[in-house]
């Protein structure tokens, strides 16, 4: 059974958060090999929702954002929050 096509990465994340909430979405490898952080689809979706709401509250008409993060999963969360 093939997975349905999704119109965006955010739609795919929402689907996975609903249907595979406890599966690991992303793993950060601190040195390219050693796992240091993981995040599930549900955790990712919840954090992305919080960040998106904060961004809309801080600058509701913004068309662009600069993302400056050290290596880690926070960058991916922020990227999805901007989407």
PDB file of N, CA and C in Angstrom:
ATOM      1  N   UNK A   1       0.850  -1.181   0.000  1.00  0.00           N
ATOM      2  CA  UNK A   1       0.000   0.000   0.000  1.00  0.00           C
ATOM      3  C   UNK A   1       0.888   1.233   0.000  1.00  0.00           C
ATOM      4  N   UNK A   2       0.742   2.081  -0.975  1.00  0.00           N
ATOM      5  CA  UNK A   2       1.567   3.288  -1.040  1.00  0.00           C
ATOM      6  C   UNK A   2       0.945   4.398  -0.203  1.00  0.00           C
ATOM      7  N   UNK A   3       1.799   5.260   0.267  1.00  0.00           N
ATOM      8  CA  UNK A   3       1.360   6.389   1.084  1.00  0.00           C
ATOM      9  C   UNK A   3       0.792   7.474   0.182  1.00  0.00           C
ATOM     10  N   UNK A   4      -0.284   8.127   0.603  1.00  0.00           N
ATOM     11  CA  UNK A   4      -0.854   9.190  -0.237  1.00  0.00           C
ATOM     12  C   UNK A   4       0.111  10.362  -0.378  1.00  0.00           C
ATOM     13  N   UNK A   5      -0.027  11.068  -1.480  1.00  0.00           N
ATOM     14  CA  UNK A   5       0.790  12.260  -1.693  1.00  0.00           C
ATOM     15  C   UNK A   5       0.294  13.366  -0.764  1.00  0.00           C
ATOM     16  N   UNK A   6       1.208  14.185  -0.315  1.00  0.00           N
ATOM     17  CA  UNK A   6       0.866  15.281   0.579  1.00  0.00           C
ATOM     18  C   UNK A   6       1.246  16.596  -0.077  1.00  0.00           C
ATOM     19  N   UNK A   7       0.418  17.632   0.098  1.00  0.00           N
ATOM     20  CA  UNK A   7       0.682  18.915  -0.557  1.00  0.00           C
ATOM     21  C   UNK A   7       1.856  19.680   0.042  1.00  0.00           C
ATOM     22  N   UNK A   8       2.282  19.303   1.264  1.00  0.00           N
ATOM     23  CA  UNK A   8       3.386  20.026   1.891  1.00  0.00           C
ATOM     24  C   UNK A   8       4.044  19.143   2.956  1.00  0.00           C
ATOM     25  N   UNK A   9       5.208  19.540   3.395  1.00  0.00           N
ATOM     26  CA  UNK A   9       5.878  18.835   4.483  1.00  0.00           C
ATOM     27  C   UNK A   9       5.095  18.954   5.785  1.00  0.00           C
ATOM     28  N   UNK A  10       4.425  20.075   5.972  1.00  0.00           N
ATOM     29  CA  UNK A  10       3.618  20.271   7.173  1.00  0.00           C
ATOM     30  C   UNK A  10       2.433  19.297   7.178  1.00  0.00           C
ATOM     31  N   UNK A  11       1.808  19.090   6.030  1.00  0.00           N
ATOM     32  CA  UNK A  11       0.703  18.135   5.932  1.00  0.00           C
ATOM     33  C   UNK A  11       1.194  16.715   6.219  1.00  0.00           C
ATOM     34  N   UNK A  12       2.362  16.390   5.730  1.00  0.00           N
ATOM     35  CA  UNK A  12       2.948  15.080   6.003  1.00  0.00           C
ATOM     36  C   UNK A  12       3.242  14.923   7.492  1.00  0.00           C
ATOM     37  N   UNK A  13       3.798  15.951   8.118  1.00  0.00           N
ATOM     38  CA  UNK A  13       4.071  15.901   9.556  1.00  0.00           C
ATOM     39  C   UNK A  13       2.776  15.712  10.341  1.00  0.00           C
ATOM     40  N   UNK A  14       1.722  16.409   9.992  1.00  0.00           N
ATOM     41  CA  UNK A  14       0.433  16.268  10.671  1.00  0.00           C
ATOM     42  C   UNK A  14      -0.095  14.838  10.525  1.00  0.00           C
ATOM     43  N   UNK A  15      -0.006  14.291   9.328  1.00  0.00           N
ATOM     44  CA  UNK A  15      -0.439  12.911   9.088  1.00  0.00           C
ATOM     45  C   UNK A  15       0.335  11.936   9.979  1.00  0.00           C
ATOM     46  N   UNK A  16       1.653  12.096   9.992  1.00  0.00           N
ATOM     47  CA  UNK A  16       2.484  11.201  10.811  1.00  0.00           C
ATOM     48  C   UNK A  16       2.210  11.385  12.299  1.00  0.00           C
ATOM     49  N   UNK A  17       1.978  12.619  12.740  1.00  0.00           N
ATOM     50  CA  UNK A  17       1.682  12.874  14.156  1.00  0.00           C
ATOM     51  C   UNK A  17       0.379  12.198  14.559  1.00  0.00           C
ATOM     52  N   UNK A  18      -0.569  12.128  13.649  1.00  0.00           N
ATOM     53  CA  UNK A  18      -1.858  11.487  13.940  1.00  0.00           C
ATOM     54  C   UNK A  18      -1.780   9.963  13.877  1.00  0.00           C
ATOM     55  N   UNK A  19      -1.012   9.441  12.912  1.00  0.00           N
ATOM     56  CA  UNK A  19      -1.016   8.003  12.652  1.00  0.00           C
ATOM     57  C   UNK A  19       0.199   7.248  13.199  1.00  0.00           C
ATOM     58  N   UNK A  20       1.271   7.959  13.465  1.00  0.00           N
ATOM     59  CA  UNK A  20       2.484   7.338  14.000  1.00  0.00           C
ATOM     60  C   UNK A  20       3.080   8.244  15.086  1.00  0.00           C
ATOM     61  N   UNK A  21       2.302   8.648  16.080  1.00  0.00           N
ATOM     62  CA  UNK A  21       2.739   9.684  17.010  1.00  0.00           C
ATOM     63  C   UNK A  21       4.010   9.353  17.790  1.00  0.00           C
ATOM     64  N   UNK A  22       4.246   8.099  18.063  1.00  0.00           N
ATOM     65  CA  UNK A  22       5.389   7.734  18.908  1.00  0.00           C
ATOM     66  C   UNK A  22       6.593   7.231  18.117  1.00  0.00           C
ATOM     67  N   UNK A  23       6.486   7.225  16.800  1.00  0.00           N
ATOM     68  CA  UNK A  23       7.631   6.866  15.964  1.00  0.00           C
ATOM     69  C   UNK A  23       8.614   8.025  15.930  1.00  0.00           C
ATOM     70  N   UNK A  24       9.873   7.702  15.804  1.00  0.00           N
ATOM     71  CA  UNK A  24      10.910   8.732  15.756  1.00  0.00           C
ATOM     72  C   UNK A  24      10.875   9.430  14.396  1.00  0.00           C
ATOM     73  N   UNK A  25      10.765  10.748  14.437  1.00  0.00           N
ATOM     74  CA  UNK A  25      10.733  11.555  13.217  1.00  0.00           C
ATOM     75  C   UNK A  25      12.145  11.928  12.766  1.00  0.00           C
ATOM     76  N   UNK A  26      12.960  12.380  13.709  1.00  0.00           N
ATOM     77  CA  UNK A  26      14.319  12.809  13.402  1.00  0.00           C
ATOM     78  C   UNK A  26      15.266  12.381  14.511  1.00  0.00           C
ATOM     79  N   UNK A  27      16.490  12.117  14.092  1.00  0.00           N
ATOM     80  CA  UNK A  27      17.570  11.783  15.016  1.00  0.00           C
ATOM     81  C   UNK A  27      18.716  12.726  14.698  1.00  0.00           C
ATOM     82  N   UNK A  28      19.276  13.348  15.724  1.00  0.00           N
ATOM     83  CA  UNK A  28      20.465  14.183  15.515  1.00  0.00           C
ATOM     84  C   UNK A  28      21.686  13.370  15.908  1.00  0.00           C
ATOM     85  N   UNK A  29      22.621  13.285  14.993  1.00  0.00           N
ATOM     86  CA  UNK A  29      23.873  12.578  15.231  1.00  0.00           C
ATOM     87  C   UNK A  29      24.955  13.613  15.484  1.00  0.00           C
ATOM     88  N   UNK A  30      25.418  13.699  16.708  1.00  0.00           N
ATOM     89  CA  UNK A  30      26.321  14.765  17.138  1.00  0.00           C
ATOM     90  C   UNK A  30      27.625  14.790  16.336  1.00  0.00           C
ATOM     91  N   UNK A  31      28.135  13.645  15.976  1.00  0.00           N
ATOM     92  CA  UNK A  31      29.385  13.585  15.218  1.00  0.00           C
ATOM     93  C   UNK A  31      29.203  12.867  13.888  1.00  0.00           C
ATOM     94  N   UNK A  32      27.966  12.753  13.456  1.00  0.00           N
ATOM     95  CA  UNK A  32      27.669  12.035  12.233  1.00  0.00           C
ATOM     96  C   UNK A  32      27.425  10.560  12.474  1.00  0.00           C
ATOM     97  N   UNK A  33      27.676  10.098  13.688  1.00  0.00           N
ATOM     98  CA  UNK A  33      27.489   8.690  14.013  1.00  0.00           C
ATOM     99  C   UNK A  33      26.801   8.477  15.356  1.00  0.00           C
ATOM    100  N   UNK A  34      27.152   9.283  16.352  1.00  0.00           N
ATOM    101  CA  UNK A  34      26.642   9.090  17.707  1.00  0.00           C
ATOM    102  C   UNK A  34      25.334   9.858  17.903  1.00  0.00           C
ATOM    103  N   UNK A  35      24.275   9.109  18.242  1.00  0.00           N
ATOM    104  CA  UNK A  35      22.955   9.707  18.447  1.00  0.00           C
ATOM    105  C   UNK A  35      22.949  10.528  19.723  1.00  0.00           C
ATOM    106  N   UNK A  36      22.485  11.801  19.624  1.00  0.00           N
ATOM    107  CA  UNK A  36      22.423  12.631  20.824  1.00  0.00           C
ATOM    108  C   UNK A  36      21.006  13.112  21.138  1.00  0.00           C
ATOM    109  N   UNK A  37      20.143  13.198  20.132  1.00  0.00           N
ATOM    110  CA  UNK A  37      18.772  13.659  20.346  1.00  0.00           C
ATOM    111  C   UNK A  37      17.835  12.927  19.400  1.00  0.00           C
ATOM    112  N   UNK A  38      16.607  12.706  19.846  1.00  0.00           N
ATOM    113  CA  UNK A  38      15.548  12.206  18.971  1.00  0.00           C
ATOM    114  C   UNK A  38      14.280  12.998  19.257  1.00  0.00           C
ATOM    115  N   UNK A  39      13.378  12.969  18.300  1.00  0.00           N
ATOM    116  CA  UNK A  39      12.080  13.603  18.486  1.00  0.00           C
ATOM    117  C   UNK A  39      11.044  12.771  17.735  1.00  0.00           C
ATOM    118  N   UNK A  40       9.901  12.527  18.371  1.00  0.00           N
ATOM    119  CA  UNK A  40       8.828  11.778  17.723  1.00  0.00           C
ATOM    120  C   UNK A  40       7.998  12.712  16.852  1.00  0.00           C
ATOM    121  N   UNK A  41       7.154  12.108  16.023  1.00  0.00           N
ATOM    122  CA  UNK A  41       6.288  12.923  15.179  1.00  0.00           C
ATOM    123  C   UNK A  41       5.343  13.780  16.004  1.00  0.00           C
ATOM    124  N   UNK A  42       4.807  13.225  17.091  1.00  0.00           N
ATOM    125  CA  UNK A  42       3.899  13.998  17.940  1.00  0.00           C
ATOM    126  C   UNK A  42       4.634  15.153  18.621  1.00  0.00           C
ATOM    127  N   UNK A  43       5.801  14.879  19.179  1.00  0.00           N
ATOM    128  CA  UNK A  43       6.587  15.940  19.815  1.00  0.00           C
ATOM    129  C   UNK A  43       6.934  17.030  18.804  1.00  0.00           C
ATOM    130  N   UNK A  44       7.327  16.613  17.626  1.00  0.00           N
ATOM    131  CA  UNK A  44       7.691  17.559  16.568  1.00  0.00           C
ATOM    132  C   UNK A  44       6.482  18.418  16.200  1.00  0.00           C
ATOM    133  N   UNK A  45       5.342  17.799  15.996  1.00  0.00           N
ATOM    134  CA  UNK A  45       4.136  18.538  15.633  1.00  0.00           C
ATOM    135  C   UNK A  45       3.760  19.545  16.726  1.00  0.00           C
ATOM    136  N   UNK A  46       3.815  19.127  17.970  1.00  0.00           N
ATOM    137  CA  UNK A  46       3.460  20.027  19.069  1.00  0.00           C
ATOM    138  C   UNK A  46       4.416  21.220  19.138  1.00  0.00           C
ATOM    139  N   UNK A  47       5.702  20.972  18.999  1.00  0.00           N
ATOM    140  CA  UNK A  47       6.680  22.056  19.060  1.00  0.00           C
ATOM    141  C   UNK A  47       6.525  22.996  17.862  1.00  0.00           C
ATOM    142  N   UNK A  48       6.282  22.432  16.689  1.00  0.00           N
ATOM    143  CA  UNK A  48       6.095  23.247  15.483  1.00  0.00           C
ATOM    144  C   UNK A  48       4.868  24.143  15.650  1.00  0.00           C
ATOM    145  N   UNK A  49       3.785  23.622  16.217  1.00  0.00           N
ATOM    146  CA  UNK A  49       2.592  24.429  16.443  1.00  0.00           C
ATOM    147  C   UNK A  49       2.878  25.590  17.392  1.00  0.00           C
ATOM    148  N   UNK A  50       3.627  25.321  18.466  1.00  0.00           N
ATOM    149  CA  UNK A  50       3.983  26.390  19.415  1.00  0.00           C
ATOM    150  C   UNK A  50       4.826  27.467  18.734  1.00  0.00           C
ATOM    151  N   UNK A  51       5.819  27.036  17.969  1.00  0.00           N
ATOM    152  CA  UNK A  51       6.693  28.002  17.291  1.00  0.00           C
ATOM    153  C   UNK A  51       5.936  28.816  16.244  1.00  0.00           C
ATOM    154  N   UNK A  52       5.075  28.168  15.489  1.00  0.00           N
ATOM    155  CA  UNK A  52       4.303  28.872  14.460  1.00  0.00           C
ATOM    156  C   UNK A  52       3.388  29.912  15.101  1.00  0.00           C
ATOM    157  N   UNK A  53       2.746  29.542  16.208  1.00  0.00           N
ATOM    158  CA  UNK A  53       1.871  30.498  16.910  1.00  0.00           C
ATOM    159  C   UNK A  53       2.680  31.675  17.431  1.00  0.00           C
ATOM    160  N   UNK A  54       3.853  31.408  17.972  1.00  0.00           N
ATOM    161  CA  UNK A  54       4.712  32.482  18.478  1.00  0.00           C
ATOM    162  C   UNK A  54       5.144  33.407  17.340  1.00  0.00           C
ATOM    163  N   UNK A  55       5.552  32.829  16.219  1.00  0.00           N
ATOM    164  CA  UNK A  55       5.974  33.649  15.077  1.00  0.00           C
ATOM    165  C   UNK A  55       4.828  34.535  14.580  1.00  0.00           C
ATOM    166  N   UNK A  56       3.617  33.975  14.498  1.00  0.00           N
ATOM    167  CA  UNK A  56       2.461  34.780  14.053  1.00  0.00           C
ATOM    168  C   UNK A  56       2.168  35.905  15.040  1.00  0.00           C
ATOM    169  N   UNK A  57       2.361  35.648  16.334  1.00  0.00           N
ATOM    170  CA  UNK A  57       2.091  36.671  17.347  1.00  0.00           C
ATOM    171  C   UNK A  57       3.137  37.777  17.323  1.00  0.00           C
ATOM    172  N   UNK A  58       4.385  37.393  17.117  1.00  0.00           N
ATOM    173  CA  UNK A  58       5.484  38.359  17.143  1.00  0.00           C
ATOM    174  C   UNK A  58       5.490  39.228  15.887  1.00  0.00           C
ATOM    175  N   UNK A  59       5.297  38.622  14.745  1.00  0.00           N
ATOM    176  CA  UNK A  59       5.350  39.373  13.488  1.00  0.00           C
ATOM    177  C   UNK A  59       4.355  38.766  12.502  1.00  0.00           C
ATOM    178  N   UNK A  60       3.071  39.134  12.624  1.00  0.00           N
ATOM    179  CA  UNK A  60       2.029  38.490  11.823  1.00  0.00           C
ATOM    180  C   UNK A  60       2.145  38.697  10.314  1.00  0.00           C
ATOM    181  N   UNK A  61       2.828  39.741   9.882  1.00  0.00           N
ATOM    182  CA  UNK A  61       2.924  40.007   8.436  1.00  0.00           C
ATOM    183  C   UNK A  61       4.285  39.640   7.858  1.00  0.00           C
ATOM    184  N   UNK A  62       5.119  38.980   8.614  1.00  0.00           N
ATOM    185  CA  UNK A  62       6.472  38.654   8.131  1.00  0.00           C
ATOM    186  C   UNK A  62       6.412  37.719   6.935  1.00  0.00           C
ATOM    187  N   UNK A  63       7.280  37.978   5.985  1.00  0.00           N
ATOM    188  CA  UNK A  63       7.378  37.126   4.797  1.00  0.00           C
ATOM    189  C   UNK A  63       8.653  36.299   4.798  1.00  0.00           C
ATOM    190  N   UNK A  64       9.566  36.600   5.705  1.00  0.00           N
ATOM    191  CA  UNK A  64      10.827  35.864   5.767  1.00  0.00           C
ATOM    192  C   UNK A  64      11.321  35.840   7.207  1.00  0.00           C
ATOM    193  N   UNK A  65      12.155  34.868   7.486  1.00  0.00           N
ATOM    194  CA  UNK A  65      12.758  34.752   8.811  1.00  0.00           C
ATOM    195  C   UNK A  65      14.165  34.194   8.654  1.00  0.00           C
ATOM    196  N   UNK A  66      15.077  34.678   9.458  1.00  0.00           N
ATOM    197  CA  UNK A  66      16.426  34.134   9.487  1.00  0.00           C
ATOM    198  C   UNK A  66      16.521  33.130  10.624  1.00  0.00           C
ATOM    199  N   UNK A  67      17.057  31.953  10.344  1.00  0.00           N
ATOM    200  CA  UNK A  67      17.175  30.908  11.355  1.00  0.00           C
ATOM    201  C   UNK A  67      18.648  30.704  11.695  1.00  0.00           C
ATOM    202  N   UNK A  68      19.009  31.064  12.905  1.00  0.00           N
ATOM    203  CA  UNK A  68      20.390  30.916  13.366  1.00  0.00           C
ATOM    204  C   UNK A  68      20.394  29.996  14.579  1.00  0.00           C
ATOM    205  N   UNK A  69      20.809  28.777  14.379  1.00  0.00           N
ATOM    206  CA  UNK A  69      20.786  27.769  15.431  1.00  0.00           C
ATOM    207  C   UNK A  69      22.084  26.986  15.421  1.00  0.00           C
ATOM    208  N   UNK A  70      22.527  26.528  16.581  1.00  0.00           N
ATOM    209  CA  UNK A  70      23.629  25.573  16.600  1.00  0.00           C
ATOM    210  C   UNK A  70      23.102  24.235  16.070  1.00  0.00           C
ATOM    211  N   UNK A  71      23.979  23.319  15.698  1.00  0.00           N
ATOM    212  CA  UNK A  71      23.519  22.020  15.203  1.00  0.00           C
ATOM    213  C   UNK A  71      22.592  21.339  16.211  1.00  0.00           C
ATOM    214  N   UNK A  72      21.510  20.766  15.707  1.00  0.00           N
ATOM    215  CA  UNK A  72      20.571  20.063  16.561  1.00  0.00           C
ATOM    216  C   UNK A  72      19.172  20.083  15.986  1.00  0.00           C
ATOM    217  N   UNK A  73      18.257  19.488  16.717  1.00  0.00           N
ATOM    218  CA  UNK A  73      16.883  19.367  16.249  1.00  0.00           C
ATOM    219  C   UNK A  73      16.096  20.662  16.333  1.00  0.00           C
ATOM    220  N   UNK A  74      16.541  21.629  17.128  1.00  0.00           N
ATOM    221  CA  UNK A  74      15.800  22.895  17.233  1.00  0.00           C
ATOM    222  C   UNK A  74      15.706  23.599  15.876  1.00  0.00           C
ATOM    223  N   UNK A  75      16.728  23.451  15.047  1.00  0.00           N
ATOM    224  CA  UNK A  75      16.691  24.063  13.718  1.00  0.00           C
ATOM    225  C   UNK A  75      15.558  23.473  12.883  1.00  0.00           C
ATOM    226  N   UNK A  76      15.417  22.157  12.900  1.00  0.00           N
ATOM    227  CA  UNK A  76      14.370  21.504  12.117  1.00  0.00           C
ATOM    228  C   UNK A  76      12.993  21.933  12.617  1.00  0.00           C
ATOM    229  N   UNK A  77      12.837  22.018  13.937  1.00  0.00           N
ATOM    230  CA  UNK A  77      11.565  22.483  14.503  1.00  0.00           C
ATOM    231  C   UNK A  77      11.260  23.905  14.024  1.00  0.00           C
ATOM    232  N   UNK A  78      12.253  24.768  14.080  1.00  0.00           N
ATOM    233  CA  UNK A  78      12.050  26.157  13.660  1.00  0.00           C
ATOM    234  C   UNK A  78      11.742  26.252  12.168  1.00  0.00           C
ATOM    235  N   UNK A  79      12.410  25.454  11.368  1.00  0.00           N
ATOM    236  CA  UNK A  79      12.161  25.448   9.922  1.00  0.00           C
ATOM    237  C   UNK A  79      10.715  25.064   9.644  1.00  0.00           C
ATOM    238  N   UNK A  80      10.249  23.985  10.254  1.00  0.00           N
ATOM    239  CA  UNK A  80       8.858  23.574  10.079  1.00  0.00           C
ATOM    240  C   UNK A  80       7.896  24.619  10.638  1.00  0.00           C
ATOM    241  N   UNK A  81       8.256  25.278  11.738  1.00  0.00           N
ATOM    242  CA  UNK A  81       7.429  26.346  12.293  1.00  0.00           C
ATOM    243  C   UNK A  81       7.253  27.490  11.316  1.00  0.00           C
ATOM    244  N   UNK A  82       8.283  27.775  10.547  1.00  0.00           N
ATOM    245  CA  UNK A  82       8.198  28.823   9.519  1.00  0.00           C
ATOM    246  C   UNK A  82       7.315  28.397   8.352  1.00  0.00           C
ATOM    247  N   UNK A  83       7.346  27.112   8.042  1.00  0.00           N
ATOM    248  CA  UNK A  83       6.498  26.611   6.936  1.00  0.00           C
ATOM    249  C   UNK A  83       5.045  26.842   7.264  1.00  0.00           C
TER     250      UNK A  83
END
